[in-house]
């Protein structure tokens, strides 16, 4: 099963005396980094979502979320620098009888439902990665990361790295 531990911190902007920030309804990644410690790491991504519908609940496994690839809402594609060129190491978590998203670096970020009149989400996503690189003769990697909200709106892609393993 999943070996990743998710710590999800979200700050909500509430209506009232403060001016409301206008973010687009599509999720947006603002920045990303990987904090390496030993063989593991923590990926930290700053994001916004204007309509507050980023995140999945435990029961989100049918309907829009039924296809295997839609069971995750954070996709970190793994790239290696091979002979001076970035090469995507494509790993399909849906290939085989037991999907393994840990190997594919796909994650479920839980839904922290906004409260109040203003549904804007803004904050950091923190993902504990027990391992962050694959065995290879190449030593430089990066991740291209995107998130997907409950309406299947995809964010922009941010690069996390490059990192030397």
C-alpha atoms as a PDB file:
ATOM      1  CA  UNK A   1       0.000   0.000   0.000  1.00  0.00           C
ATOM      2  CA  UNK A   2       1.002   3.618   0.227  1.00  0.00           C
ATOM      3  CA  UNK A   3       4.200   4.320   2.081  1.00  0.00           C
ATOM      4  CA  UNK A   4       3.935   8.051   1.734  1.00  0.00           C
ATOM      5  CA  UNK A   5       2.676  10.230   4.537  1.00  0.00           C
ATOM      6  CA  UNK A   6       0.858  13.337   3.496  1.00  0.00           C
ATOM      7  CA  UNK A   7       0.931  16.493   5.505  1.00  0.00           C
ATOM      8  CA  UNK A   8      -1.438  18.991   4.000  1.00  0.00           C
ATOM      9  CA  UNK A   9      -1.438  22.575   5.227  1.00  0.00           C
ATOM     10  CA  UNK A  10      -3.872  24.941   3.666  1.00  0.00           C
ATOM     11  CA  UNK A  11      -4.466  28.570   4.509  1.00  0.00           C
ATOM     12  CA  UNK A  12      -7.850  29.941   3.622  1.00  0.00           C
ATOM     13  CA  UNK A  13      -8.548  33.558   2.799  1.00  0.00           C
ATOM     14  CA  UNK A  14     -11.816  34.622   4.365  1.00  0.00           C
ATOM     15  CA  UNK A  15     -14.097  37.425   3.219  1.00  0.00           C
ATOM     16  CA  UNK A  16     -14.611  40.255   5.621  1.00  0.00           C
ATOM     17  CA  UNK A  17     -12.433  43.253   6.257  1.00  0.00           C
ATOM     18  CA  UNK A  18      -9.684  41.956   3.967  1.00  0.00           C
ATOM     19  CA  UNK A  19      -9.846  42.253   0.221  1.00  0.00           C
ATOM     20  CA  UNK A  20     -10.475  38.895  -1.435  1.00  0.00           C
ATOM     21  CA  UNK A  21      -7.773  37.639  -3.770  1.00  0.00           C
ATOM     22  CA  UNK A  22      -9.124  36.578  -7.135  1.00  0.00           C
ATOM     23  CA  UNK A  23      -7.546  33.303  -8.200  1.00  0.00           C
ATOM     24  CA  UNK A  24      -8.638  31.343 -11.264  1.00  0.00           C
ATOM     25  CA  UNK A  25     -10.897  28.321 -10.698  1.00  0.00           C
ATOM     26  CA  UNK A  26      -8.163  26.066 -12.077  1.00  0.00           C
ATOM     27  CA  UNK A  27      -5.503  25.048  -9.578  1.00  0.00           C
ATOM     28  CA  UNK A  28      -2.145  26.780  -9.961  1.00  0.00           C
ATOM     29  CA  UNK A  29       1.241  25.671  -8.697  1.00  0.00           C
ATOM     30  CA  UNK A  30       3.369  28.635  -7.658  1.00  0.00           C
ATOM     31  CA  UNK A  31       6.606  26.893  -6.682  1.00  0.00           C
ATOM     32  CA  UNK A  32       8.080  23.578  -5.655  1.00  0.00           C
ATOM     33  CA  UNK A  33      11.119  22.195  -3.905  1.00  0.00           C
ATOM     34  CA  UNK A  34      12.453  18.884  -2.619  1.00  0.00           C
ATOM     35  CA  UNK A  35      14.034  18.798   0.834  1.00  0.00           C
ATOM     36  CA  UNK A  36      16.288  15.719   0.879  1.00  0.00           C
ATOM     37  CA  UNK A  37      17.129  13.999   4.178  1.00  0.00           C
ATOM     38  CA  UNK A  38      18.992  10.690   3.981  1.00  0.00           C
ATOM     39  CA  UNK A  39      17.355   8.374   1.441  1.00  0.00           C
ATOM     40  CA  UNK A  40      13.982  10.143   1.778  1.00  0.00           C
ATOM     41  CA  UNK A  41      12.712  13.590   0.964  1.00  0.00           C
ATOM     42  CA  UNK A  42       9.792  15.963   1.409  1.00  0.00           C
ATOM     43  CA  UNK A  43       8.296  17.645  -1.638  1.00  0.00           C
ATOM     44  CA  UNK A  44       6.781  21.051  -0.871  1.00  0.00           C
ATOM     45  CA  UNK A  45       4.480  22.715  -3.411  1.00  0.00           C
ATOM     46  CA  UNK A  46       2.782  26.103  -3.030  1.00  0.00           C
ATOM     47  CA  UNK A  47      -0.598  26.318  -4.749  1.00  0.00           C
ATOM     48  CA  UNK A  48      -3.840  28.239  -5.181  1.00  0.00           C
ATOM     49  CA  UNK A  49      -7.318  27.186  -6.297  1.00  0.00           C
ATOM     50  CA  UNK A  50      -9.965  29.859  -6.777  1.00  0.00           C
ATOM     51  CA  UNK A  51     -13.049  27.694  -6.331  1.00  0.00           C
ATOM     52  CA  UNK A  52     -11.679  25.554  -3.487  1.00  0.00           C
ATOM     53  CA  UNK A  53     -12.241  22.141  -5.030  1.00  0.00           C
ATOM     54  CA  UNK A  54      -8.708  20.752  -4.968  1.00  0.00           C
ATOM     55  CA  UNK A  55      -8.358  17.507  -3.056  1.00  0.00           C
ATOM     56  CA  UNK A  56      -9.856  14.022  -2.962  1.00  0.00           C
ATOM     57  CA  UNK A  57     -11.923  12.267  -0.341  1.00  0.00           C
ATOM     58  CA  UNK A  58     -11.445   8.625   0.607  1.00  0.00           C
ATOM     59  CA  UNK A  59     -14.609   7.601  -1.260  1.00  0.00           C
ATOM     60  CA  UNK A  60     -13.624   9.276  -4.543  1.00  0.00           C
ATOM     61  CA  UNK A  61     -13.200   6.076  -6.551  1.00  0.00           C
ATOM     62  CA  UNK A  62     -16.196   6.087  -8.908  1.00  0.00           C
ATOM     63  CA  UNK A  63     -17.604   8.279 -11.655  1.00  0.00           C
ATOM     64  CA  UNK A  64     -15.003  10.824 -12.766  1.00  0.00           C
ATOM     65  CA  UNK A  65     -12.469   9.189 -10.448  1.00  0.00           C
ATOM     66  CA  UNK A  66     -13.059   5.592 -11.644  1.00  0.00           C
ATOM     67  CA  UNK A  67     -10.388   5.355 -14.352  1.00  0.00           C
ATOM     68  CA  UNK A  68      -7.142   4.217 -12.754  1.00  0.00           C
ATOM     69  CA  UNK A  69      -5.182   7.318 -13.771  1.00  0.00           C
ATOM     70  CA  UNK A  70      -7.779   9.592 -12.058  1.00  0.00           C
ATOM     71  CA  UNK A  71      -7.346   7.992  -8.635  1.00  0.00           C
ATOM     72  CA  UNK A  72      -4.571  10.478  -7.911  1.00  0.00           C
ATOM     73  CA  UNK A  73      -4.568  14.261  -7.980  1.00  0.00           C
ATOM     74  CA  UNK A  74      -0.841  15.012  -7.832  1.00  0.00           C
ATOM     75  CA  UNK A  75       1.410  13.742 -10.599  1.00  0.00           C
ATOM     76  CA  UNK A  76       5.188  14.049 -10.248  1.00  0.00           C
ATOM     77  CA  UNK A  77       6.745  12.803 -13.477  1.00  0.00           C
ATOM     78  CA  UNK A  78      10.325  11.568 -13.028  1.00  0.00           C
ATOM     79  CA  UNK A  79      13.073  12.721 -15.411  1.00  0.00           C
ATOM     80  CA  UNK A  80      16.740  11.784 -15.597  1.00  0.00           C
ATOM     81  CA  UNK A  81      19.479  13.705 -17.351  1.00  0.00           C
ATOM     82  CA  UNK A  82      20.875  11.146 -19.783  1.00  0.00           C
ATOM     83  CA  UNK A  83      23.826  12.195 -21.933  1.00  0.00           C
ATOM     84  CA  UNK A  84      22.914  15.884 -21.613  1.00  0.00           C
ATOM     85  CA  UNK A  85      19.183  15.436 -22.389  1.00  0.00           C
ATOM     86  CA  UNK A  86      16.235  15.232 -19.989  1.00  0.00           C
ATOM     87  CA  UNK A  87      14.482  11.877 -20.476  1.00  0.00           C
ATOM     88  CA  UNK A  88      11.103  11.030 -18.919  1.00  0.00           C
ATOM     89  CA  UNK A  89      11.278   7.694 -17.122  1.00  0.00           C
ATOM     90  CA  UNK A  90       7.689   6.666 -17.774  1.00  0.00           C
ATOM     91  CA  UNK A  91       6.216   4.337 -15.164  1.00  0.00           C
ATOM     92  CA  UNK A  92       2.545   3.433 -15.529  1.00  0.00           C
ATOM     93  CA  UNK A  93       0.948   2.806 -12.099  1.00  0.00           C
ATOM     94  CA  UNK A  94      -2.095   1.319 -13.842  1.00  0.00           C
ATOM     95  CA  UNK A  95      -0.126  -1.360 -15.676  1.00  0.00           C
ATOM     96  CA  UNK A  96      -0.628  -4.702 -13.956  1.00  0.00           C
ATOM     97  CA  UNK A  97      -3.043  -6.175 -11.445  1.00  0.00           C
ATOM     98  CA  UNK A  98      -1.810  -4.106  -8.485  1.00  0.00           C
ATOM     99  CA  UNK A  99      -1.233  -0.427  -9.299  1.00  0.00           C
ATOM    100  CA  UNK A 100       1.732   0.999  -7.418  1.00  0.00           C
ATOM    101  CA  UNK A 101       1.600   4.810  -7.353  1.00  0.00           C
ATOM    102  CA  UNK A 102       4.623   5.001  -5.026  1.00  0.00           C
ATOM    103  CA  UNK A 103       6.827   3.861  -7.869  1.00  0.00           C
ATOM    104  CA  UNK A 104       5.185   6.289 -10.281  1.00  0.00           C
ATOM    105  CA  UNK A 105       5.345   9.218  -7.829  1.00  0.00           C
ATOM    106  CA  UNK A 106       1.582   9.837  -8.000  1.00  0.00           C
ATOM    107  CA  UNK A 107      -0.204  10.896  -4.821  1.00  0.00           C
ATOM    108  CA  UNK A 108      -3.626  11.578  -3.322  1.00  0.00           C
ATOM    109  CA  UNK A 109      -3.830  14.953  -1.606  1.00  0.00           C
ATOM    110  CA  UNK A 110      -6.855  15.024   0.733  1.00  0.00           C
ATOM    111  CA  UNK A 111      -9.554  17.632   0.311  1.00  0.00           C
ATOM    112  CA  UNK A 112      -9.399  20.328   2.978  1.00  0.00           C
ATOM    113  CA  UNK A 113     -12.799  21.887   2.299  1.00  0.00           C
ATOM    114  CA  UNK A 114     -12.826  25.641   2.681  1.00  0.00           C
ATOM    115  CA  UNK A 115     -15.372  27.068   5.089  1.00  0.00           C
ATOM    116  CA  UNK A 116     -17.170  30.371   4.903  1.00  0.00           C
ATOM    117  CA  UNK A 117     -18.302  32.398   1.957  1.00  0.00           C
ATOM    118  CA  UNK A 118     -14.892  32.614   0.268  1.00  0.00           C
ATOM    119  CA  UNK A 119     -13.917  29.174  -1.054  1.00  0.00           C
ATOM    120  CA  UNK A 120     -10.398  30.143  -2.171  1.00  0.00           C
ATOM    121  CA  UNK A 121      -7.623  27.708  -1.301  1.00  0.00           C
ATOM    122  CA  UNK A 122      -4.041  28.867  -0.909  1.00  0.00           C
ATOM    123  CA  UNK A 123      -1.257  27.024   0.844  1.00  0.00           C
ATOM    124  CA  UNK A 124       1.424  24.353   0.747  1.00  0.00           C
ATOM    125  CA  UNK A 125       1.211  20.664  -0.048  1.00  0.00           C
ATOM    126  CA  UNK A 126       3.845  18.563   1.726  1.00  0.00           C
ATOM    127  CA  UNK A 127       4.534  15.005   0.607  1.00  0.00           C
ATOM    128  CA  UNK A 128       6.809  12.650   2.514  1.00  0.00           C
ATOM    129  CA  UNK A 129       8.688  10.538  -0.056  1.00  0.00           C
ATOM    130  CA  UNK A 130      10.473   7.552   1.538  1.00  0.00           C
ATOM    131  CA  UNK A 131      12.494   7.334  -1.669  1.00  0.00           C
ATOM    132  CA  UNK A 132      12.824   9.977  -4.353  1.00  0.00           C
ATOM    133  CA  UNK A 133      15.072   8.477  -7.002  1.00  0.00           C
ATOM    134  CA  UNK A 134      15.215   5.290  -9.005  1.00  0.00           C
ATOM    135  CA  UNK A 135      18.251   3.036  -9.379  1.00  0.00           C
ATOM    136  CA  UNK A 136      20.088   4.184 -12.486  1.00  0.00           C
ATOM    137  CA  UNK A 137      23.529   4.884 -13.887  1.00  0.00           C
ATOM    138  CA  UNK A 138      22.468   8.540 -14.288  1.00  0.00           C
ATOM    139  CA  UNK A 139      22.839  10.831 -11.276  1.00  0.00           C
ATOM    140  CA  UNK A 140      20.742  13.948 -12.013  1.00  0.00           C
ATOM    141  CA  UNK A 141      16.961  13.974 -11.747  1.00  0.00           C
ATOM    142  CA  UNK A 142      14.041  16.374 -11.703  1.00  0.00           C
ATOM    143  CA  UNK A 143      10.282  16.136 -11.310  1.00  0.00           C
ATOM    144  CA  UNK A 144       7.672  17.840 -13.472  1.00  0.00           C
ATOM    145  CA  UNK A 145       4.650  18.225 -11.212  1.00  0.00           C
ATOM    146  CA  UNK A 146       0.991  19.061 -11.812  1.00  0.00           C
ATOM    147  CA  UNK A 147      -2.173  18.836  -9.732  1.00  0.00           C
ATOM    148  CA  UNK A 148      -5.764  18.181 -10.809  1.00  0.00           C
ATOM    149  CA  UNK A 149      -8.901  19.464  -9.064  1.00  0.00           C
ATOM    150  CA  UNK A 150     -12.270  17.747  -8.609  1.00  0.00           C
ATOM    151  CA  UNK A 151     -13.542  19.157 -11.937  1.00  0.00           C
ATOM    152  CA  UNK A 152     -10.511  17.584 -13.686  1.00  0.00           C
ATOM    153  CA  UNK A 153      -8.947  21.011 -14.282  1.00  0.00           C
ATOM    154  CA  UNK A 154      -5.186  20.576 -14.555  1.00  0.00           C
ATOM    155  CA  UNK A 155      -2.722  23.055 -13.113  1.00  0.00           C
ATOM    156  CA  UNK A 156       0.349  24.405 -14.770  1.00  0.00           C
ATOM    157  CA  UNK A 157       3.496  22.275 -14.495  1.00  0.00           C
ATOM    158  CA  UNK A 158       6.371  23.219 -12.170  1.00  0.00           C
ATOM    159  CA  UNK A 159       9.820  21.715 -12.218  1.00  0.00           C
ATOM    160  CA  UNK A 160      11.284  20.516  -8.935  1.00  0.00           C
ATOM    161  CA  UNK A 161      15.018  20.125  -9.256  1.00  0.00           C
ATOM    162  CA  UNK A 162      17.390  19.337 -10.786  1.00  0.00           C
ATOM    163  CA  UNK A 163      18.867  17.266  -7.997  1.00  0.00           C
ATOM    164  CA  UNK A 164      22.013  15.165  -7.897  1.00  0.00           C
ATOM    165  CA  UNK A 165      21.465  11.840  -6.141  1.00  0.00           C
END
